[in-house]
């Protein structure tokens, strides 16, 4: 007998939901060892609550930005961290030219 869809119970709302063969194969391919504990609706609600859609669209929610003056070109810029005295801050364009090559 081959693989089959599984019926799981959501840990948040208690509803039953299907864990398809395709989803099981995807989980195995990704190395996930646990089955999903939330139904698709609760999973989406949890992502919305965190202000993220799993990181695939690049959104991070609202992020505080700080004003700074670029150490290279002198233009005003906004950066996502609070500048510390004695350390250079660069605008996006200048950072691209001075960033280390060994970034992760």
PDB file of N, CA and C in Angstrom:
ATOM      1  N   UNK A   1       0.844  -1.193   0.000  1.00  0.00           N
ATOM      2  CA  UNK A   1       0.000   0.000   0.000  1.00  0.00           C
ATOM      3  C   UNK A   1       0.879   1.243   0.000  1.00  0.00           C
ATOM      4  N   UNK A   2       0.605   2.191  -0.867  1.00  0.00           N
ATOM      5  CA  UNK A   2       1.391   3.416  -1.001  1.00  0.00           C
ATOM      6  C   UNK A   2       1.015   4.458   0.033  1.00  0.00           C
ATOM      7  N   UNK A   3       1.674   5.616  -0.059  1.00  0.00           N
ATOM      8  CA  UNK A   3       1.376   6.703   0.871  1.00  0.00           C
ATOM      9  C   UNK A   3      -0.079   7.163   0.735  1.00  0.00           C
ATOM     10  N   UNK A   4      -0.608   7.712   1.811  1.00  0.00           N
ATOM     11  CA  UNK A   4      -1.997   8.178   1.809  1.00  0.00           C
ATOM     12  C   UNK A   4      -2.097   9.509   2.536  1.00  0.00           C
ATOM     13  N   UNK A   5      -3.138  10.253   2.202  1.00  0.00           N
ATOM     14  CA  UNK A   5      -3.410  11.490   2.924  1.00  0.00           C
ATOM     15  C   UNK A   5      -3.672  11.156   4.384  1.00  0.00           C
ATOM     16  N   UNK A   6      -3.280  12.056   5.278  1.00  0.00           N
ATOM     17  CA  UNK A   6      -3.521  11.872   6.704  1.00  0.00           C
ATOM     18  C   UNK A   6      -4.486  12.948   7.172  1.00  0.00           C
ATOM     19  N   UNK A   7      -5.325  12.601   8.110  1.00  0.00           N
ATOM     20  CA  UNK A   7      -6.224  13.570   8.730  1.00  0.00           C
ATOM     21  C   UNK A   7      -5.628  13.910  10.093  1.00  0.00           C
ATOM     22  N   UNK A   8      -5.332  15.210  10.287  1.00  0.00           N
ATOM     23  CA  UNK A   8      -4.736  15.682  11.536  1.00  0.00           C
ATOM     24  C   UNK A   8      -5.712  16.627  12.230  1.00  0.00           C
ATOM     25  N   UNK A   9      -5.467  16.868  13.512  1.00  0.00           N
ATOM     26  CA  UNK A   9      -6.303  17.794  14.271  1.00  0.00           C
ATOM     27  C   UNK A   9      -5.485  19.027  14.636  1.00  0.00           C
ATOM     28  N   UNK A  10      -6.039  20.202  14.361  1.00  0.00           N
ATOM     29  CA  UNK A  10      -5.369  21.475  14.620  1.00  0.00           C
ATOM     30  C   UNK A  10      -5.237  21.702  16.125  1.00  0.00           C
ATOM     31  N   UNK A  11      -4.039  22.071  16.563  1.00  0.00           N
ATOM     32  CA  UNK A  11      -3.792  22.315  17.984  1.00  0.00           C
ATOM     33  C   UNK A  11      -4.392  23.635  18.452  1.00  0.00           C
ATOM     34  N   UNK A  12      -4.718  24.541  17.509  1.00  0.00           N
ATOM     35  CA  UNK A  12      -5.292  25.830  17.889  1.00  0.00           C
ATOM     36  C   UNK A  12      -6.820  25.799  17.942  1.00  0.00           C
ATOM     37  N   UNK A  13      -7.450  25.381  16.838  1.00  0.00           N
ATOM     38  CA  UNK A  13      -8.912  25.446  16.769  1.00  0.00           C
ATOM     39  C   UNK A  13      -9.601  24.098  16.932  1.00  0.00           C
ATOM     40  N   UNK A  14      -8.830  23.009  16.850  1.00  0.00           N
ATOM     41  CA  UNK A  14      -9.404  21.677  17.021  1.00  0.00           C
ATOM     42  C   UNK A  14     -10.015  21.080  15.765  1.00  0.00           C
ATOM     43  N   UNK A  15     -10.012  21.819  14.667  1.00  0.00           N
ATOM     44  CA  UNK A  15     -10.593  21.319  13.417  1.00  0.00           C
ATOM     45  C   UNK A  15      -9.713  20.242  12.804  1.00  0.00           C
ATOM     46  N   UNK A  16     -10.337  19.334  12.077  1.00  0.00           N
ATOM     47  CA  UNK A  16      -9.594  18.318  11.336  1.00  0.00           C
ATOM     48  C   UNK A  16      -9.155  18.911  10.009  1.00  0.00           C
ATOM     49  N   UNK A  17      -7.949  18.538   9.570  1.00  0.00           N
ATOM     50  CA  UNK A  17      -7.474  18.994   8.265  1.00  0.00           C
ATOM     51  C   UNK A  17      -6.634  17.900   7.632  1.00  0.00           C
ATOM     52  N   UNK A  18      -6.547  17.953   6.302  1.00  0.00           N
ATOM     53  CA  UNK A  18      -5.835  16.938   5.542  1.00  0.00           C
ATOM     54  C   UNK A  18      -4.364  17.310   5.387  1.00  0.00           C
ATOM     55  N   UNK A  19      -3.499  16.329   5.595  1.00  0.00           N
ATOM     56  CA  UNK A  19      -2.063  16.449   5.352  1.00  0.00           C
ATOM     57  C   UNK A  19      -1.805  15.564   4.139  1.00  0.00           C
ATOM     58  N   UNK A  20      -1.814  16.197   2.950  1.00  0.00           N
ATOM     59  CA  UNK A  20      -1.777  15.444   1.695  1.00  0.00           C
ATOM     60  C   UNK A  20      -0.449  14.716   1.489  1.00  0.00           C
ATOM     61  N   UNK A  21      -0.476  13.756   0.591  1.00  0.00           N
ATOM     62  CA  UNK A  21       0.729  13.011   0.226  1.00  0.00           C
ATOM     63  C   UNK A  21       1.784  13.989  -0.304  1.00  0.00           C
ATOM     64  N   UNK A  22       1.352  14.959  -1.110  1.00  0.00           N
ATOM     65  CA  UNK A  22       2.276  15.945  -1.657  1.00  0.00           C
ATOM     66  C   UNK A  22       2.930  16.764  -0.547  1.00  0.00           C
ATOM     67  N   UNK A  23       2.115  17.179   0.442  1.00  0.00           N
ATOM     68  CA  UNK A  23       2.663  17.936   1.571  1.00  0.00           C
ATOM     69  C   UNK A  23       3.624  17.068   2.384  1.00  0.00           C
ATOM     70  N   UNK A  24       3.299  15.799   2.555  1.00  0.00           N
ATOM     71  CA  UNK A  24       4.180  14.890   3.290  1.00  0.00           C
ATOM     72  C   UNK A  24       5.521  14.745   2.573  1.00  0.00           C
ATOM     73  N   UNK A  25       5.479  14.639   1.254  1.00  0.00           N
ATOM     74  CA  UNK A  25       6.709  14.538   0.471  1.00  0.00           C
ATOM     75  C   UNK A  25       7.527  15.819   0.585  1.00  0.00           C
ATOM     76  N   UNK A  26       6.845  16.964   0.551  1.00  0.00           N
ATOM     77  CA  UNK A  26       7.528  18.254   0.702  1.00  0.00           C
ATOM     78  C   UNK A  26       8.202  18.336   2.066  1.00  0.00           C
ATOM     79  N   UNK A  27       7.495  17.964   3.125  1.00  0.00           N
ATOM     80  CA  UNK A  27       8.059  17.994   4.477  1.00  0.00           C
ATOM     81  C   UNK A  27       9.293  17.094   4.549  1.00  0.00           C
ATOM     82  N   UNK A  28       9.209  15.897   3.966  1.00  0.00           N
ATOM     83  CA  UNK A  28      10.337  14.965   3.981  1.00  0.00           C
ATOM     84  C   UNK A  28      11.524  15.554   3.216  1.00  0.00           C
ATOM     85  N   UNK A  29      11.255  16.164   2.068  1.00  0.00           N
ATOM     86  CA  UNK A  29      12.303  16.775   1.251  1.00  0.00           C
ATOM     87  C   UNK A  29      13.009  17.894   2.011  1.00  0.00           C
ATOM     88  N   UNK A  30      12.251  18.664   2.782  1.00  0.00           N
ATOM     89  CA  UNK A  30      12.812  19.762   3.573  1.00  0.00           C
ATOM     90  C   UNK A  30      13.494  19.270   4.851  1.00  0.00           C
ATOM     91  N   UNK A  31      13.336  18.004   5.183  1.00  0.00           N
ATOM     92  CA  UNK A  31      13.957  17.463   6.387  1.00  0.00           C
ATOM     93  C   UNK A  31      13.131  17.668   7.643  1.00  0.00           C
ATOM     94  N   UNK A  32      11.873  18.096   7.483  1.00  0.00           N
ATOM     95  CA  UNK A  32      10.998  18.280   8.641  1.00  0.00           C
ATOM     96  C   UNK A  32      10.637  16.913   9.202  1.00  0.00           C
ATOM     97  N   UNK A  33      10.728  16.761  10.499  1.00  0.00           N
ATOM     98  CA  UNK A  33      10.430  15.480  11.134  1.00  0.00           C
ATOM     99  C   UNK A  33       9.072  15.463  11.819  1.00  0.00           C
ATOM    100  N   UNK A  34       8.442  16.614  11.950  1.00  0.00           N
ATOM    101  CA  UNK A  34       7.135  16.696  12.595  1.00  0.00           C
ATOM    102  C   UNK A  34       6.063  17.040  11.573  1.00  0.00           C
ATOM    103  N   UNK A  35       4.865  16.545  11.831  1.00  0.00           N
ATOM    104  CA  UNK A  35       3.724  16.917  11.003  1.00  0.00           C
ATOM    105  C   UNK A  35       3.249  18.303  11.427  1.00  0.00           C
ATOM    106  N   UNK A  36       2.539  19.015  10.545  1.00  0.00           N
ATOM    107  CA  UNK A  36       2.028  20.333  10.946  1.00  0.00           C
ATOM    108  C   UNK A  36       1.040  20.184  12.099  1.00  0.00           C
ATOM    109  N   UNK A  37       1.077  21.147  13.023  1.00  0.00           N
ATOM    110  CA  UNK A  37       0.159  21.067  14.153  1.00  0.00           C
ATOM    111  C   UNK A  37      -1.018  22.019  14.008  1.00  0.00           C
ATOM    112  N   UNK A  38      -0.962  22.908  13.014  1.00  0.00           N
ATOM    113  CA  UNK A  38      -2.052  23.856  12.780  1.00  0.00           C
ATOM    114  C   UNK A  38      -2.650  23.632  11.401  1.00  0.00           C
ATOM    115  N   UNK A  39      -3.965  23.865  11.300  1.00  0.00           N
ATOM    116  CA  UNK A  39      -4.636  23.801  10.004  1.00  0.00           C
ATOM    117  C   UNK A  39      -4.184  24.996   9.166  1.00  0.00           C
ATOM    118  N   UNK A  40      -4.394  24.964   7.852  1.00  0.00           N
ATOM    119  CA  UNK A  40      -3.949  26.078   7.012  1.00  0.00           C
ATOM    120  C   UNK A  40      -4.484  27.441   7.469  1.00  0.00           C
ATOM    121  N   UNK A  41      -5.731  27.513   7.921  1.00  0.00           N
ATOM    122  CA  UNK A  41      -6.299  28.801   8.369  1.00  0.00           C
ATOM    123  C   UNK A  41      -5.581  29.316   9.603  1.00  0.00           C
ATOM    124  N   UNK A  42      -5.338  28.450  10.582  1.00  0.00           N
ATOM    125  CA  UNK A  42      -4.645  28.878  11.800  1.00  0.00           C
ATOM    126  C   UNK A  42      -3.178  29.185  11.516  1.00  0.00           C
ATOM    127  N   UNK A  43      -2.572  28.445  10.578  1.00  0.00           N
ATOM    128  CA  UNK A  43      -1.191  28.710  10.187  1.00  0.00           C
ATOM    129  C   UNK A  43      -1.071  30.115   9.602  1.00  0.00           C
ATOM    130  N   UNK A  44      -2.024  30.477   8.718  1.00  0.00           N
ATOM    131  CA  UNK A  44      -2.009  31.803   8.119  1.00  0.00           C
ATOM    132  C   UNK A  44      -2.267  32.877   9.167  1.00  0.00           C
ATOM    133  N   UNK A  45      -3.197  32.614  10.088  1.00  0.00           N
ATOM    134  CA  UNK A  45      -3.488  33.584  11.150  1.00  0.00           C
ATOM    135  C   UNK A  45      -2.261  33.806  12.019  1.00  0.00           C
ATOM    136  N   UNK A  46      -1.513  32.747  12.288  1.00  0.00           N
ATOM    137  CA  UNK A  46      -0.295  32.861  13.092  1.00  0.00           C
ATOM    138  C   UNK A  46       0.754  33.703  12.355  1.00  0.00           C
ATOM    139  N   UNK A  47       0.895  33.486  11.048  1.00  0.00           N
ATOM    140  CA  UNK A  47       1.840  34.278  10.253  1.00  0.00           C
ATOM    141  C   UNK A  47       1.443  35.739  10.252  1.00  0.00           C
ATOM    142  N   UNK A  48       0.131  36.004  10.085  1.00  0.00           N
ATOM    143  CA  UNK A  48      -0.349  37.385  10.085  1.00  0.00           C
ATOM    144  C   UNK A  48      -0.109  38.045  11.429  1.00  0.00           C
ATOM    145  N   UNK A  49      -0.279  37.295  12.497  1.00  0.00           N
ATOM    146  CA  UNK A  49      -0.066  37.816  13.851  1.00  0.00           C
ATOM    147  C   UNK A  49       1.394  38.224  14.048  1.00  0.00           C
ATOM    148  N   UNK A  50       2.304  37.459  13.472  1.00  0.00           N
ATOM    149  CA  UNK A  50       3.734  37.762  13.582  1.00  0.00           C
ATOM    150  C   UNK A  50       4.143  38.896  12.651  1.00  0.00           C
ATOM    151  N   UNK A  51       3.251  39.284  11.744  1.00  0.00           N
ATOM    152  CA  UNK A  51       3.582  40.354  10.809  1.00  0.00           C
ATOM    153  C   UNK A  51       4.479  39.867   9.698  1.00  0.00           C
ATOM    154  N   UNK A  52       4.364  38.591   9.355  1.00  0.00           N
ATOM    155  CA  UNK A  52       5.230  38.027   8.340  1.00  0.00           C
ATOM    156  C   UNK A  52       4.444  37.033   7.513  1.00  0.00           C
ATOM    157  N   UNK A  53       4.904  36.784   6.328  1.00  0.00           N
ATOM    158  CA  UNK A  53       4.314  35.738   5.515  1.00  0.00           C
ATOM    159  C   UNK A  53       5.355  34.655   5.287  1.00  0.00           C
ATOM    160  N   UNK A  54       6.128  34.360   6.304  1.00  0.00           N
ATOM    161  CA  UNK A  54       7.141  33.339   6.191  1.00  0.00           C
ATOM    162  C   UNK A  54       8.453  33.839   5.650  1.00  0.00           C
ATOM    163  N   UNK A  55       8.551  35.114   5.362  1.00  0.00           N
ATOM    164  CA  UNK A  55       9.800  35.684   4.896  1.00  0.00           C
ATOM    165  C   UNK A  55      10.000  35.604   3.405  1.00  0.00           C
ATOM    166  N   UNK A  56       9.024  35.076   2.663  1.00  0.00           N
ATOM    167  CA  UNK A  56       9.220  34.896   1.243  1.00  0.00           C
ATOM    168  C   UNK A  56       8.986  36.163   0.438  1.00  0.00           C
ATOM    169  N   UNK A  57       8.239  37.125   0.999  1.00  0.00           N
ATOM    170  CA  UNK A  57       8.004  38.338   0.231  1.00  0.00           C
ATOM    171  C   UNK A  57       8.875  39.489   0.708  1.00  0.00           C
ATOM    172  N   UNK A  58       9.782  39.215   1.648  1.00  0.00           N
ATOM    173  CA  UNK A  58      10.702  40.226   2.111  1.00  0.00           C
ATOM    174  C   UNK A  58      10.127  41.184   3.128  1.00  0.00           C
ATOM    175  N   UNK A  59       8.853  41.001   3.481  1.00  0.00           N
ATOM    176  CA  UNK A  59       8.278  41.932   4.452  1.00  0.00           C
ATOM    177  C   UNK A  59       8.727  41.569   5.863  1.00  0.00           C
ATOM    178  N   UNK A  60       8.973  42.575   6.646  1.00  0.00           N
ATOM    179  CA  UNK A  60       9.380  42.367   8.028  1.00  0.00           C
ATOM    180  C   UNK A  60       8.494  43.162   8.970  1.00  0.00           C
ATOM    181  N   UNK A  61       7.388  43.637   8.469  1.00  0.00           N
ATOM    182  CA  UNK A  61       6.547  44.491   9.283  1.00  0.00           C
ATOM    183  C   UNK A  61       7.154  45.878   9.365  1.00  0.00           C
ATOM    184  N   UNK A  62       6.636  46.698  10.244  1.00  0.00           N
ATOM    185  CA  UNK A  62       7.180  48.040  10.410  1.00  0.00           C
ATOM    186  C   UNK A  62       8.501  47.968  11.142  1.00  0.00           C
ATOM    187  N   UNK A  63       9.476  48.680  10.637  1.00  0.00           N
ATOM    188  CA  UNK A  63      10.800  48.675  11.233  1.00  0.00           C
ATOM    189  C   UNK A  63      11.200  50.107  11.521  1.00  0.00           C
ATOM    190  N   UNK A  64      11.697  50.332  12.709  1.00  0.00           N
ATOM    191  CA  UNK A  64      12.123  51.674  13.064  1.00  0.00           C
ATOM    192  C   UNK A  64      13.375  52.027  12.280  1.00  0.00           C
ATOM    193  N   UNK A  65      13.363  53.211  11.706  1.00  0.00           N
ATOM    194  CA  UNK A  65      14.507  53.689  10.940  1.00  0.00           C
ATOM    195  C   UNK A  65      15.117  54.889  11.657  1.00  0.00           C
ATOM    196  N   UNK A  66      16.417  55.065  11.485  1.00  0.00           N
ATOM    197  CA  UNK A  66      17.152  56.146  12.145  1.00  0.00           C
ATOM    198  C   UNK A  66      17.819  57.017  11.087  1.00  0.00           C
ATOM    199  N   UNK A  67      17.837  58.305  11.350  1.00  0.00           N
ATOM    200  CA  UNK A  67      18.484  59.249  10.441  1.00  0.00           C
ATOM    201  C   UNK A  67      19.991  59.231  10.664  1.00  0.00           C
ATOM    202  N   UNK A  68      20.732  59.384   9.579  1.00  0.00           N
ATOM    203  CA  UNK A  68      22.193  59.414   9.656  1.00  0.00           C
ATOM    204  C   UNK A  68      22.721  60.179   8.452  1.00  0.00           C
ATOM    205  N   UNK A  69      23.980  60.519   8.496  1.00  0.00           N
ATOM    206  CA  UNK A  69      24.666  61.160   7.382  1.00  0.00           C
ATOM    207  C   UNK A  69      25.700  60.160   6.871  1.00  0.00           C
ATOM    208  N   UNK A  70      25.658  59.896   5.576  1.00  0.00           N
ATOM    209  CA  UNK A  70      26.581  58.934   4.971  1.00  0.00           C
ATOM    210  C   UNK A  70      28.019  59.406   5.142  1.00  0.00           C
ATOM    211  N   UNK A  71      28.871  58.505   5.636  1.00  0.00           N
ATOM    212  CA  UNK A  71      30.278  58.834   5.880  1.00  0.00           C
ATOM    213  C   UNK A  71      31.065  58.995   4.580  1.00  0.00           C
ATOM    214  N   UNK A  72      30.530  58.509   3.479  1.00  0.00           N
ATOM    215  CA  UNK A  72      31.251  58.576   2.216  1.00  0.00           C
ATOM    216  C   UNK A  72      30.830  59.762   1.357  1.00  0.00           C
ATOM    217  N   UNK A  73      29.496  59.911   1.148  1.00  0.00           N
ATOM    218  CA  UNK A  73      29.041  60.969   0.239  1.00  0.00           C
ATOM    219  C   UNK A  73      28.437  62.178   0.961  1.00  0.00           C
ATOM    220  N   UNK A  74      28.161  62.034   2.251  1.00  0.00           N
ATOM    221  CA  UNK A  74      27.630  63.149   3.024  1.00  0.00           C
ATOM    222  C   UNK A  74      26.136  63.375   2.913  1.00  0.00           C
ATOM    223  N   UNK A  75      25.431  62.527   2.168  1.00  0.00           N
ATOM    224  CA  UNK A  75      23.978  62.674   2.027  1.00  0.00           C
ATOM    225  C   UNK A  75      23.252  62.158   3.259  1.00  0.00           C
ATOM    226  N   UNK A  76      22.067  62.738   3.510  1.00  0.00           N
ATOM    227  CA  UNK A  76      21.217  62.231   4.577  1.00  0.00           C
ATOM    228  C   UNK A  76      20.675  60.877   4.147  1.00  0.00           C
ATOM    229  N   UNK A  77      20.549  59.946   5.103  1.00  0.00           N
ATOM    230  CA  UNK A  77      20.037  58.615   4.807  1.00  0.00           C
ATOM    231  C   UNK A  77      19.267  58.089   6.003  1.00  0.00           C
ATOM    232  N   UNK A  78      18.569  56.991   5.800  1.00  0.00           N
ATOM    233  CA  UNK A  78      17.843  56.291   6.859  1.00  0.00           C
ATOM    234  C   UNK A  78      18.420  54.885   6.944  1.00  0.00           C
ATOM    235  N   UNK A  79      18.699  54.433   8.166  1.00  0.00           N
ATOM    236  CA  UNK A  79      19.251  53.100   8.377  1.00  0.00           C
ATOM    237  C   UNK A  79      18.417  52.358   9.421  1.00  0.00           C
ATOM    238  N   UNK A  80      18.383  51.012   9.373  1.00  0.00           N
ATOM    239  CA  UNK A  80      17.546  50.240  10.288  1.00  0.00           C
ATOM    240  C   UNK A  80      18.212  49.936  11.633  1.00  0.00           C
ATOM    241  N   UNK A  81      19.187  50.718  12.014  1.00  0.00           N
ATOM    242  CA  UNK A  81      19.874  50.540  13.299  1.00  0.00           C
ATOM    243  C   UNK A  81      20.254  51.915  13.823  1.00  0.00           C
ATOM    244  N   UNK A  82      20.447  51.991  15.115  1.00  0.00           N
ATOM    245  CA  UNK A  82      20.833  53.276  15.696  1.00  0.00           C
ATOM    246  C   UNK A  82      22.338  53.465  15.552  1.00  0.00           C
ATOM    247  N   UNK A  83      22.748  54.487  14.808  1.00  0.00           N
ATOM    248  CA  UNK A  83      24.186  54.717  14.614  1.00  0.00           C
ATOM    249  C   UNK A  83      24.899  54.978  15.941  1.00  0.00           C
ATOM    250  N   UNK A  84      26.099  54.426  16.065  1.00  0.00           N
ATOM    251  CA  UNK A  84      26.926  54.651  17.253  1.00  0.00           C
ATOM    252  C   UNK A  84      28.063  55.579  16.878  1.00  0.00           C
ATOM    253  N   UNK A  85      28.403  56.448  17.802  1.00  0.00           N
ATOM    254  CA  UNK A  85      29.493  57.384  17.552  1.00  0.00           C
ATOM    255  C   UNK A  85      30.792  56.670  17.220  1.00  0.00           C
ATOM    256  N   UNK A  86      31.554  57.230  16.305  1.00  0.00           N
ATOM    257  CA  UNK A  86      32.848  56.669  15.955  1.00  0.00           C
ATOM    258  C   UNK A  86      32.807  55.563  14.917  1.00  0.00           C
ATOM    259  N   UNK A  87      31.600  55.134  14.504  1.00  0.00           N
ATOM    260  CA  UNK A  87      31.489  54.083  13.489  1.00  0.00           C
ATOM    261  C   UNK A  87      30.832  54.665  12.251  1.00  0.00           C
ATOM    262  N   UNK A  88      31.398  54.424  11.073  1.00  0.00           N
ATOM    263  CA  UNK A  88      30.829  55.010   9.851  1.00  0.00           C
ATOM    264  C   UNK A  88      29.467  54.395   9.513  1.00  0.00           C
ATOM    265  N   UNK A  89      28.607  55.206   8.945  1.00  0.00           N
ATOM    266  CA  UNK A  89      27.300  54.781   8.452  1.00  0.00           C
ATOM    267  C   UNK A  89      27.245  55.189   6.991  1.00  0.00           C
ATOM    268  N   UNK A  90      26.732  54.295   6.139  1.00  0.00           N
ATOM    269  CA  UNK A  90      26.694  54.556   4.707  1.00  0.00           C
ATOM    270  C   UNK A  90      25.262  54.494   4.180  1.00  0.00           C
ATOM    271  N   UNK A  91      24.975  55.286   3.159  1.00  0.00           N
ATOM    272  CA  UNK A  91      23.707  55.164   2.446  1.00  0.00           C
ATOM    273  C   UNK A  91      23.761  53.847   1.656  1.00  0.00           C
ATOM    274  N   UNK A  92      22.639  53.421   1.127  1.00  0.00           N
ATOM    275  CA  UNK A  92      22.596  52.139   0.405  1.00  0.00           C
ATOM    276  C   UNK A  92      23.572  52.089  -0.757  1.00  0.00           C
ATOM    277  N   UNK A  93      23.630  53.152  -1.542  1.00  0.00           N
ATOM    278  CA  UNK A  93      24.510  53.169  -2.718  1.00  0.00           C
ATOM    279  C   UNK A  93      25.979  53.065  -2.316  1.00  0.00           C
ATOM    280  N   UNK A  94      26.385  53.840  -1.305  1.00  0.00           N
ATOM    281  CA  UNK A  94      27.784  53.797  -0.874  1.00  0.00           C
ATOM    282  C   UNK A  94      28.120  52.482  -0.178  1.00  0.00           C
ATOM    283  N   UNK A  95      27.165  51.932   0.548  1.00  0.00           N
ATOM    284  CA  UNK A  95      27.424  50.671   1.232  1.00  0.00           C
ATOM    285  C   UNK A  95      27.747  49.567   0.220  1.00  0.00           C
ATOM    286  N   UNK A  96      27.062  49.588  -0.909  1.00  0.00           N
ATOM    287  CA  UNK A  96      27.322  48.583  -1.941  1.00  0.00           C
ATOM    288  C   UNK A  96      28.763  48.631  -2.429  1.00  0.00           C
ATOM    289  N   UNK A  97      29.391  49.796  -2.391  1.00  0.00           N
ATOM    290  CA  UNK A  97      30.768  49.914  -2.874  1.00  0.00           C
ATOM    291  C   UNK A  97      31.810  49.619  -1.796  1.00  0.00           C
ATOM    292  N   UNK A  98      31.416  49.711  -0.523  1.00  0.00           N
ATOM    293  CA  UNK A  98      32.391  49.507   0.550  1.00  0.00           C
ATOM    294  C   UNK A  98      32.138  48.249   1.388  1.00  0.00           C
ATOM    295  N   UNK A  99      31.037  47.527   1.138  1.00  0.00           N
ATOM    296  CA  UNK A  99      30.716  46.376   1.980  1.00  0.00           C
ATOM    297  C   UNK A  99      31.783  45.292   1.838  1.00  0.00           C
ATOM    298  N   UNK A 100      32.000  44.536   2.922  1.00  0.00           N
ATOM    299  CA  UNK A 100      32.978  43.447   2.870  1.00  0.00           C
ATOM    300  C   UNK A 100      32.524  42.366   1.878  1.00  0.00           C
ATOM    301  N   UNK A 101      33.469  41.718   1.244  1.00  0.00           N
ATOM    302  CA  UNK A 101      33.154  40.659   0.284  1.00  0.00           C
ATOM    303  C   UNK A 101      32.710  39.374   0.951  1.00  0.00           C
ATOM    304  N   UNK A 102      32.975  39.239   2.247  1.00  0.00           N
ATOM    305  CA  UNK A 102      32.700  37.968   2.922  1.00  0.00           C
ATOM    306  C   UNK A 102      31.380  37.975   3.681  1.00  0.00           C
ATOM    307  N   UNK A 103      30.405  38.769   3.209  1.00  0.00           N
ATOM    308  CA  UNK A 103      29.102  38.789   3.877  1.00  0.00           C
ATOM    309  C   UNK A 103      28.429  37.446   3.728  1.00  0.00           C
ATOM    310  N   UNK A 104      27.668  37.061   4.765  1.00  0.00           N
ATOM    311  CA  UNK A 104      26.968  35.768   4.722  1.00  0.00           C
ATOM    312  C   UNK A 104      25.656  35.886   4.035  1.00  0.00           C
TER     313      UNK A 104
END
